[in-house]
Amino acid sequence: MSIKPWDEYFLDMAKTCATRSNCLRAHVGAVIVGEDKKIKATGYNGTPSKVESCCERGECYRMKNNIESGTRYETCRSIHAEQNAIIQAGQDRCKDSTIYIWGHDFICILCKRFIVQAGIKNCVLKKDEDSEIIRISVEDIRKELEAAC
């Protein structure tokens, strides 16, 4: 029997988190893991507590109006999986951790800011079963943010 590598193990957990999403457009899950390989928090994309979701409404404003992914976040009812996980963990539990993200092959500008501010050190992403694992250091994200403005 072979033991599953850590990245695959935690990405599988992020994939399971994504099944809780109440977003019609994308199902994304996130898991924050400390250097000790202990889970600090999980998250999925969905509406804030007690806010009607697009699933409940039966439509997504962004889909209905053909709003491109990664733009006009003010038109979305949901909180991103990465943000939900960071909110759940708090900054003290995020320091030097790794965030595993299932369901996307990129990190939006808003979540990049959250990740840097939370003190997370590394990001591991996988879009779907057929995609490659993507590793991004937060140092690279920080440099990108500095160059953008």
N, C-alpha and C. Protein backbone atom coordinates (compact mmCIF):
# COMPACT_ATOMS: atom_id res chain seq x y z
N MET A 1 0.84 -1.18 0.00
CA MET A 1 0.00 0.00 0.00
C MET A 1 0.90 1.25 0.00
N SER A 2 0.57 2.21 -0.84
CA SER A 2 1.34 3.45 -0.86
C SER A 2 0.58 4.54 -0.10
N ILE A 3 1.33 5.42 0.49
CA ILE A 3 0.75 6.52 1.25
C ILE A 3 0.59 7.72 0.33
N LYS A 4 -0.57 8.34 0.38
CA LYS A 4 -0.86 9.51 -0.46
C LYS A 4 0.01 10.68 -0.02
N PRO A 5 0.62 11.40 -1.00
CA PRO A 5 1.40 12.60 -0.65
C PRO A 5 0.52 13.65 0.02
N TRP A 6 1.13 14.47 0.88
CA TRP A 6 0.39 15.48 1.64
C TRP A 6 -0.42 16.41 0.75
N ASP A 7 0.18 16.91 -0.35
CA ASP A 7 -0.55 17.83 -1.22
C ASP A 7 -1.84 17.20 -1.74
N GLU A 8 -1.76 15.97 -2.18
CA GLU A 8 -2.96 15.27 -2.68
C GLU A 8 -3.98 15.06 -1.56
N TYR A 9 -3.51 14.70 -0.41
CA TYR A 9 -4.37 14.47 0.75
C TYR A 9 -5.18 15.72 1.10
N PHE A 10 -4.49 16.86 1.21
CA PHE A 10 -5.19 18.09 1.58
C PHE A 10 -6.02 18.65 0.42
N LEU A 11 -5.58 18.45 -0.81
CA LEU A 11 -6.43 18.85 -1.94
C LEU A 11 -7.71 18.03 -1.99
N ASP A 12 -7.64 16.76 -1.63
CA ASP A 12 -8.87 15.94 -1.54
C ASP A 12 -9.83 16.51 -0.50
N MET A 13 -9.27 16.98 0.61
CA MET A 13 -10.12 17.60 1.63
C MET A 13 -10.74 18.89 1.11
N ALA A 14 -9.95 19.70 0.39
CA ALA A 14 -10.48 20.93 -0.19
C ALA A 14 -11.58 20.61 -1.20
N LYS A 15 -11.41 19.54 -1.94
CA LYS A 15 -12.43 19.10 -2.90
C LYS A 15 -13.73 18.74 -2.16
N THR A 16 -13.61 18.07 -1.03
CA THR A 16 -14.79 17.74 -0.22
C THR A 16 -15.45 19.01 0.30
N CYS A 17 -14.64 19.98 0.73
CA CYS A 17 -15.19 21.26 1.19
C CYS A 17 -15.99 21.93 0.09
N ALA A 18 -15.52 21.83 -1.14
CA ALA A 18 -16.20 22.47 -2.28
C ALA A 18 -17.61 21.93 -2.48
N THR A 19 -17.89 20.72 -2.01
CA THR A 19 -19.24 20.15 -2.17
C THR A 19 -20.28 20.87 -1.32
N ARG A 20 -19.85 21.71 -0.38
CA ARG A 20 -20.77 22.48 0.47
C ARG A 20 -21.14 23.82 -0.16
N SER A 21 -20.51 24.18 -1.27
CA SER A 21 -20.75 25.47 -1.91
C SER A 21 -22.21 25.62 -2.33
N ASN A 22 -22.76 26.81 -2.09
CA ASN A 22 -24.13 27.09 -2.55
C ASN A 22 -24.11 28.09 -3.71
N CYS A 23 -22.99 28.14 -4.41
CA CYS A 23 -22.81 29.00 -5.57
C CYS A 23 -23.16 28.21 -6.83
N LEU A 24 -23.93 28.82 -7.72
CA LEU A 24 -24.28 28.15 -8.97
C LEU A 24 -23.14 28.14 -9.98
N ARG A 25 -22.24 29.09 -9.87
CA ARG A 25 -21.21 29.30 -10.87
C ARG A 25 -19.96 28.45 -10.66
N ALA A 26 -19.52 28.32 -9.43
CA ALA A 26 -18.28 27.59 -9.14
C ALA A 26 -18.36 26.95 -7.77
N HIS A 27 -17.78 25.79 -7.65
CA HIS A 27 -17.67 25.11 -6.36
C HIS A 27 -16.19 25.05 -6.01
N VAL A 28 -15.83 25.84 -5.00
CA VAL A 28 -14.43 25.95 -4.60
C VAL A 28 -14.34 25.63 -3.12
N GLY A 29 -13.30 24.88 -2.75
CA GLY A 29 -13.04 24.57 -1.35
C GLY A 29 -11.63 24.94 -0.98
N ALA A 30 -11.40 25.21 0.29
CA ALA A 30 -10.06 25.58 0.77
C ALA A 30 -9.80 24.95 2.13
N VAL A 31 -8.55 24.58 2.35
CA VAL A 31 -8.12 24.03 3.63
C VAL A 31 -6.81 24.73 4.00
N ILE A 32 -6.75 25.26 5.21
CA ILE A 32 -5.52 25.88 5.71
C ILE A 32 -4.85 24.88 6.64
N VAL A 33 -3.57 24.62 6.37
CA VAL A 33 -2.84 23.59 7.09
C VAL A 33 -1.54 24.18 7.65
N GLY A 34 -1.32 23.95 8.92
CA GLY A 34 -0.10 24.44 9.56
C GLY A 34 1.13 23.65 9.15
N GLU A 35 2.29 24.18 9.52
CA GLU A 35 3.55 23.49 9.21
C GLU A 35 3.61 22.10 9.84
N ASP A 36 2.82 21.91 10.89
CA ASP A 36 2.78 20.62 11.58
C ASP A 36 1.81 19.63 10.92
N LYS A 37 1.26 20.01 9.75
CA LYS A 37 0.31 19.20 8.97
C LYS A 37 -1.04 19.05 9.68
N LYS A 38 -1.36 19.96 10.58
CA LYS A 38 -2.66 19.96 11.24
C LYS A 38 -3.55 21.00 10.58
N ILE A 39 -4.81 20.62 10.38
CA ILE A 39 -5.77 21.51 9.73
C ILE A 39 -6.14 22.64 10.69
N LYS A 40 -6.03 23.87 10.21
CA LYS A 40 -6.37 25.05 11.00
C LYS A 40 -7.79 25.52 10.71
N ALA A 41 -8.24 25.36 9.45
CA ALA A 41 -9.60 25.78 9.09
C ALA A 41 -9.92 25.28 7.69
N THR A 42 -11.22 25.26 7.40
CA THR A 42 -11.69 24.92 6.06
C THR A 42 -12.66 26.01 5.62
N GLY A 43 -12.91 26.06 4.33
CA GLY A 43 -13.87 27.03 3.80
C GLY A 43 -14.36 26.59 2.43
N TYR A 44 -15.48 27.15 2.04
CA TYR A 44 -16.02 26.93 0.70
C TYR A 44 -16.69 28.22 0.29
N ASN A 45 -16.90 28.38 -1.02
CA ASN A 45 -17.52 29.62 -1.47
C ASN A 45 -19.03 29.52 -1.28
N GLY A 46 -19.58 30.58 -0.74
CA GLY A 46 -21.01 30.63 -0.49
C GLY A 46 -21.40 31.93 0.17
N THR A 47 -22.69 32.12 0.30
CA THR A 47 -23.20 33.36 0.86
C THR A 47 -22.93 33.45 2.36
N PRO A 48 -22.86 34.67 2.88
CA PRO A 48 -22.73 34.84 4.33
C PRO A 48 -23.95 34.23 5.04
N SER A 49 -23.78 33.96 6.31
CA SER A 49 -24.85 33.37 7.11
C SER A 49 -26.15 34.15 6.97
N LYS A 50 -27.22 33.42 6.75
CA LYS A 50 -28.59 33.95 6.69
C LYS A 50 -28.82 34.90 5.52
N VAL A 51 -27.98 34.80 4.48
CA VAL A 51 -28.19 35.55 3.24
C VAL A 51 -28.62 34.53 2.19
N GLU A 52 -29.70 34.84 1.48
CA GLU A 52 -30.23 33.93 0.47
C GLU A 52 -29.18 33.67 -0.62
N SER A 53 -28.94 32.40 -0.92
CA SER A 53 -27.95 32.03 -1.92
C SER A 53 -28.55 32.05 -3.32
N CYS A 54 -27.67 32.02 -4.31
CA CYS A 54 -28.13 31.94 -5.70
C CYS A 54 -28.87 30.62 -5.93
N CYS A 55 -28.46 29.56 -5.26
CA CYS A 55 -29.18 28.28 -5.37
C CYS A 55 -30.62 28.44 -4.89
N GLU A 56 -30.78 29.12 -3.76
CA GLU A 56 -32.13 29.35 -3.22
C GLU A 56 -32.94 30.28 -4.11
N ARG A 57 -32.28 31.25 -4.73
CA ARG A 57 -32.96 32.20 -5.62
C ARG A 57 -33.26 31.59 -6.98
N GLY A 58 -32.49 30.55 -7.34
CA GLY A 58 -32.70 29.90 -8.63
C GLY A 58 -31.97 30.57 -9.78
N GLU A 59 -31.13 31.54 -9.49
CA GLU A 59 -30.34 32.19 -10.54
C GLU A 59 -29.14 32.90 -9.94
N CYS A 60 -28.14 33.07 -10.79
CA CYS A 60 -26.93 33.80 -10.43
C CYS A 60 -26.88 35.07 -11.26
N TYR A 61 -26.83 36.20 -10.60
CA TYR A 61 -26.77 37.48 -11.29
C TYR A 61 -25.59 37.54 -12.26
N ARG A 62 -24.45 37.03 -11.82
CA ARG A 62 -23.24 37.07 -12.63
C ARG A 62 -23.38 36.22 -13.89
N MET A 63 -23.97 35.05 -13.74
CA MET A 63 -24.18 34.19 -14.91
C MET A 63 -25.21 34.81 -15.85
N LYS A 64 -26.29 35.31 -15.28
CA LYS A 64 -27.38 35.91 -16.06
C LYS A 64 -26.87 37.09 -16.89
N ASN A 65 -25.90 37.83 -16.36
CA ASN A 65 -25.40 39.03 -17.02
C ASN A 65 -24.02 38.82 -17.67
N ASN A 66 -23.61 37.57 -17.81
CA ASN A 66 -22.34 37.22 -18.47
C ASN A 66 -21.15 38.01 -17.94
N ILE A 67 -21.04 38.08 -16.61
CA ILE A 67 -19.92 38.79 -15.99
C ILE A 67 -18.73 37.84 -15.92
N GLU A 68 -17.63 38.28 -16.47
CA GLU A 68 -16.42 37.46 -16.57
C GLU A 68 -15.89 37.11 -15.18
N SER A 69 -15.44 35.87 -15.04
CA SER A 69 -14.83 35.42 -13.80
C SER A 69 -13.63 36.30 -13.48
N GLY A 70 -13.45 36.62 -12.20
CA GLY A 70 -12.33 37.44 -11.78
C GLY A 70 -12.58 38.93 -11.88
N THR A 71 -13.81 39.34 -12.20
CA THR A 71 -14.14 40.76 -12.32
C THR A 71 -15.41 41.08 -11.54
N ARG A 72 -15.61 42.34 -11.25
CA ARG A 72 -16.83 42.89 -10.65
C ARG A 72 -17.33 42.08 -9.45
N TYR A 73 -16.47 41.90 -8.48
CA TYR A 73 -16.81 41.11 -7.30
C TYR A 73 -17.99 41.67 -6.52
N GLU A 74 -18.23 42.95 -6.67
CA GLU A 74 -19.34 43.57 -5.94
C GLU A 74 -20.70 43.02 -6.39
N THR A 75 -20.74 42.32 -7.51
CA THR A 75 -22.01 41.76 -8.00
C THR A 75 -22.24 40.33 -7.53
N CYS A 76 -21.34 39.81 -6.71
CA CYS A 76 -21.44 38.42 -6.25
C CYS A 76 -21.96 38.37 -4.81
N ARG A 77 -22.87 37.45 -4.54
CA ARG A 77 -23.44 37.28 -3.21
C ARG A 77 -22.53 36.45 -2.29
N SER A 78 -21.58 35.73 -2.87
CA SER A 78 -20.78 34.77 -2.11
C SER A 78 -19.48 35.34 -1.57
N ILE A 79 -18.99 34.67 -0.55
CA ILE A 79 -17.65 34.89 -0.02
C ILE A 79 -16.79 33.76 -0.59
N HIS A 80 -15.58 34.07 -1.01
CA HIS A 80 -14.71 33.06 -1.60
C HIS A 80 -14.25 32.05 -0.55
N ALA A 81 -13.97 30.84 -1.00
CA ALA A 81 -13.53 29.76 -0.10
C ALA A 81 -12.29 30.15 0.69
N GLU A 82 -11.34 30.80 0.03
CA GLU A 82 -10.11 31.22 0.70
C GLU A 82 -10.42 32.20 1.82
N GLN A 83 -11.30 33.15 1.55
CA GLN A 83 -11.67 34.14 2.55
C GLN A 83 -12.40 33.48 3.72
N ASN A 84 -13.31 32.58 3.43
CA ASN A 84 -14.03 31.88 4.50
C ASN A 84 -13.07 31.10 5.40
N ALA A 85 -12.10 30.41 4.80
CA ALA A 85 -11.14 29.65 5.60
C ALA A 85 -10.30 30.58 6.48
N ILE A 86 -9.85 31.70 5.91
CA ILE A 86 -9.04 32.65 6.68
C ILE A 86 -9.85 33.26 7.82
N ILE A 87 -11.09 33.60 7.56
CA ILE A 87 -11.97 34.14 8.61
C ILE A 87 -12.14 33.11 9.73
N GLN A 88 -12.34 31.85 9.36
CA GLN A 88 -12.53 30.79 10.35
C GLN A 88 -11.27 30.58 11.20
N ALA A 89 -10.10 30.64 10.55
CA ALA A 89 -8.85 30.35 11.26
C ALA A 89 -8.38 31.52 12.11
N GLY A 90 -8.51 32.73 11.58
CA GLY A 90 -7.93 33.89 12.24
C GLY A 90 -6.45 33.98 11.91
N GLN A 91 -5.92 35.17 11.98
CA GLN A 91 -4.54 35.41 11.56
C GLN A 91 -3.52 34.61 12.36
N ASP A 92 -3.74 34.44 13.65
CA ASP A 92 -2.75 33.73 14.46
C ASP A 92 -2.60 32.27 14.05
N ARG A 93 -3.65 31.65 13.55
CA ARG A 93 -3.57 30.25 13.13
C ARG A 93 -3.12 30.11 11.68
N CYS A 94 -3.14 31.20 10.91
CA CYS A 94 -2.73 31.17 9.50
C CYS A 94 -1.23 31.34 9.31
N LYS A 95 -0.56 31.96 10.28
CA LYS A 95 0.85 32.29 10.13
C LYS A 95 1.68 31.08 9.70
N ASP A 96 2.42 31.26 8.61
CA ASP A 96 3.34 30.25 8.05
C ASP A 96 2.64 28.98 7.57
N SER A 97 1.35 29.04 7.34
CA SER A 97 0.61 27.87 6.90
C SER A 97 0.58 27.76 5.37
N THR A 98 -0.04 26.70 4.90
CA THR A 98 -0.28 26.49 3.47
C THR A 98 -1.77 26.42 3.26
N ILE A 99 -2.27 27.07 2.20
CA ILE A 99 -3.67 26.98 1.86
C ILE A 99 -3.81 26.10 0.62
N TYR A 100 -4.68 25.12 0.71
CA TYR A 100 -4.98 24.21 -0.39
C TYR A 100 -6.32 24.63 -0.97
N ILE A 101 -6.37 24.83 -2.29
CA ILE A 101 -7.58 25.33 -2.94
C ILE A 101 -7.98 24.37 -4.07
N TRP A 102 -9.19 23.89 -4.01
CA TRP A 102 -9.73 23.01 -5.04
C TRP A 102 -10.80 23.77 -5.81
N GLY A 103 -10.77 23.69 -7.15
CA GLY A 103 -11.83 24.24 -7.96
C GLY A 103 -11.42 25.45 -8.78
N HIS A 104 -10.19 25.93 -8.60
CA HIS A 104 -9.67 27.05 -9.37
C HIS A 104 -8.20 26.81 -9.70
N ASP A 105 -7.74 27.42 -10.78
CA ASP A 105 -6.32 27.37 -11.12
C ASP A 105 -5.68 28.76 -11.01
N PHE A 106 -6.39 29.66 -10.33
CA PHE A 106 -5.87 31.00 -10.09
C PHE A 106 -6.43 31.50 -8.76
N ILE A 107 -5.81 32.56 -8.25
CA ILE A 107 -6.29 33.20 -7.03
C ILE A 107 -6.64 34.63 -7.41
N CYS A 108 -7.84 35.07 -7.08
CA CYS A 108 -8.26 36.42 -7.44
C CYS A 108 -7.48 37.45 -6.61
N ILE A 109 -7.51 38.68 -7.06
CA ILE A 109 -6.76 39.76 -6.41
C ILE A 109 -7.24 39.98 -4.96
N LEU A 110 -8.53 39.84 -4.71
CA LEU A 110 -9.03 40.01 -3.34
C LEU A 110 -8.48 38.94 -2.41
N CYS A 111 -8.51 37.69 -2.86
CA CYS A 111 -8.02 36.60 -2.02
C CYS A 111 -6.50 36.65 -1.86
N LYS A 112 -5.80 37.14 -2.88
CA LYS A 112 -4.34 37.31 -2.74
C LYS A 112 -4.04 38.25 -1.58
N ARG A 113 -4.80 39.32 -1.48
CA ARG A 113 -4.59 40.27 -0.38
C ARG A 113 -4.88 39.62 0.97
N PHE A 114 -5.98 38.86 1.05
CA PHE A 114 -6.32 38.16 2.29
C PHE A 114 -5.20 37.20 2.68
N ILE A 115 -4.71 36.44 1.71
CA ILE A 115 -3.69 35.42 1.95
C ILE A 115 -2.41 36.06 2.47
N VAL A 116 -1.97 37.13 1.83
CA VAL A 116 -0.75 37.83 2.27
C VAL A 116 -0.95 38.38 3.68
N GLN A 117 -2.06 39.05 3.91
CA GLN A 117 -2.30 39.68 5.21
C GLN A 117 -2.42 38.65 6.33
N ALA A 118 -2.94 37.47 6.01
CA ALA A 118 -3.12 36.43 7.03
C ALA A 118 -1.81 35.77 7.43
N GLY A 119 -0.75 35.98 6.66
CA GLY A 119 0.54 35.37 7.00
C GLY A 119 0.73 33.98 6.44
N ILE A 120 -0.12 33.58 5.52
CA ILE A 120 0.01 32.28 4.86
C ILE A 120 1.29 32.30 4.04
N LYS A 121 1.98 31.16 3.96
CA LYS A 121 3.28 31.10 3.30
C LYS A 121 3.20 30.50 1.90
N ASN A 122 2.33 29.53 1.68
CA ASN A 122 2.27 28.84 0.40
C ASN A 122 0.82 28.55 -0.01
N CYS A 123 0.62 28.45 -1.33
CA CYS A 123 -0.69 28.11 -1.89
C CYS A 123 -0.52 26.92 -2.82
N VAL A 124 -1.45 25.97 -2.71
CA VAL A 124 -1.46 24.81 -3.59
C VAL A 124 -2.84 24.72 -4.19
N LEU A 125 -2.93 24.74 -5.52
CA LEU A 125 -4.22 24.77 -6.21
C LEU A 125 -4.36 23.60 -7.17
N LYS A 126 -5.61 23.21 -7.37
CA LYS A 126 -5.94 22.22 -8.39
C LYS A 126 -7.35 22.52 -8.88
N LYS A 127 -7.48 22.71 -10.18
CA LYS A 127 -8.77 23.08 -10.79
C LYS A 127 -9.76 21.93 -10.76
N ASP A 128 -9.30 20.74 -11.20
CA ASP A 128 -10.18 19.57 -11.29
C ASP A 128 -9.32 18.32 -11.34
N GLU A 129 -9.96 17.19 -11.51
CA GLU A 129 -9.26 15.90 -11.52
C GLU A 129 -8.20 15.82 -12.61
N ASP A 130 -8.43 16.48 -13.74
CA ASP A 130 -7.54 16.36 -14.89
C ASP A 130 -6.41 17.38 -14.92
N SER A 131 -6.41 18.32 -14.01
CA SER A 131 -5.40 19.38 -14.03
C SER A 131 -4.20 19.04 -13.15
N GLU A 132 -3.14 19.77 -13.40
CA GLU A 132 -1.91 19.63 -12.62
C GLU A 132 -2.04 20.43 -11.32
N ILE A 133 -1.27 20.05 -10.33
CA ILE A 133 -1.18 20.81 -9.10
C ILE A 133 -0.33 22.04 -9.36
N ILE A 134 -0.80 23.20 -8.90
CA ILE A 134 -0.08 24.46 -9.04
C ILE A 134 0.37 24.91 -7.66
N ARG A 135 1.64 25.25 -7.54
CA ARG A 135 2.18 25.75 -6.27
C ARG A 135 2.60 27.20 -6.44
N ILE A 136 2.16 28.04 -5.53
CA ILE A 136 2.48 29.47 -5.58
C ILE A 136 2.97 29.90 -4.20
N SER A 137 4.13 30.52 -4.17
CA SER A 137 4.62 31.03 -2.88
C SER A 137 3.97 32.39 -2.63
N VAL A 138 3.72 32.68 -1.39
CA VAL A 138 3.12 33.96 -1.04
C VAL A 138 4.13 35.08 -1.28
N GLU A 139 5.39 34.77 -1.25
CA GLU A 139 6.40 35.78 -1.60
C GLU A 139 6.19 36.24 -3.04
N ASP A 140 5.87 35.32 -3.94
CA ASP A 140 5.59 35.68 -5.34
C ASP A 140 4.31 36.52 -5.44
N ILE A 141 3.30 36.16 -4.65
CA ILE A 141 2.06 36.95 -4.64
C ILE A 141 2.35 38.37 -4.15
N ARG A 142 3.14 38.47 -3.09
CA ARG A 142 3.49 39.78 -2.53
C ARG A 142 4.19 40.65 -3.59
N LYS A 143 5.14 40.06 -4.32
CA LYS A 143 5.84 40.80 -5.38
C LYS A 143 4.88 41.23 -6.47
N GLU A 144 3.94 40.35 -6.81
CA GLU A 144 2.93 40.69 -7.82
C GLU A 144 2.06 41.86 -7.36
N LEU A 145 1.66 41.85 -6.10
CA LEU A 145 0.84 42.94 -5.57
C LEU A 145 1.62 44.26 -5.56
N GLU A 146 2.90 44.21 -5.23
CA GLU A 146 3.72 45.42 -5.22
C GLU A 146 3.88 45.98 -6.63
N ALA A 147 4.01 45.11 -7.61
CA ALA A 147 4.22 45.55 -8.99
C ALA A 147 2.92 46.07 -9.64
N ALA A 148 1.78 45.65 -9.11
CA ALA A 148 0.49 46.00 -9.71
C ALA A 148 0.08 47.45 -9.48
N CYS A 149 0.54 48.05 -8.43
CA CYS A 149 0.07 49.40 -8.10
C CYS A 149 1.18 50.41 -8.10
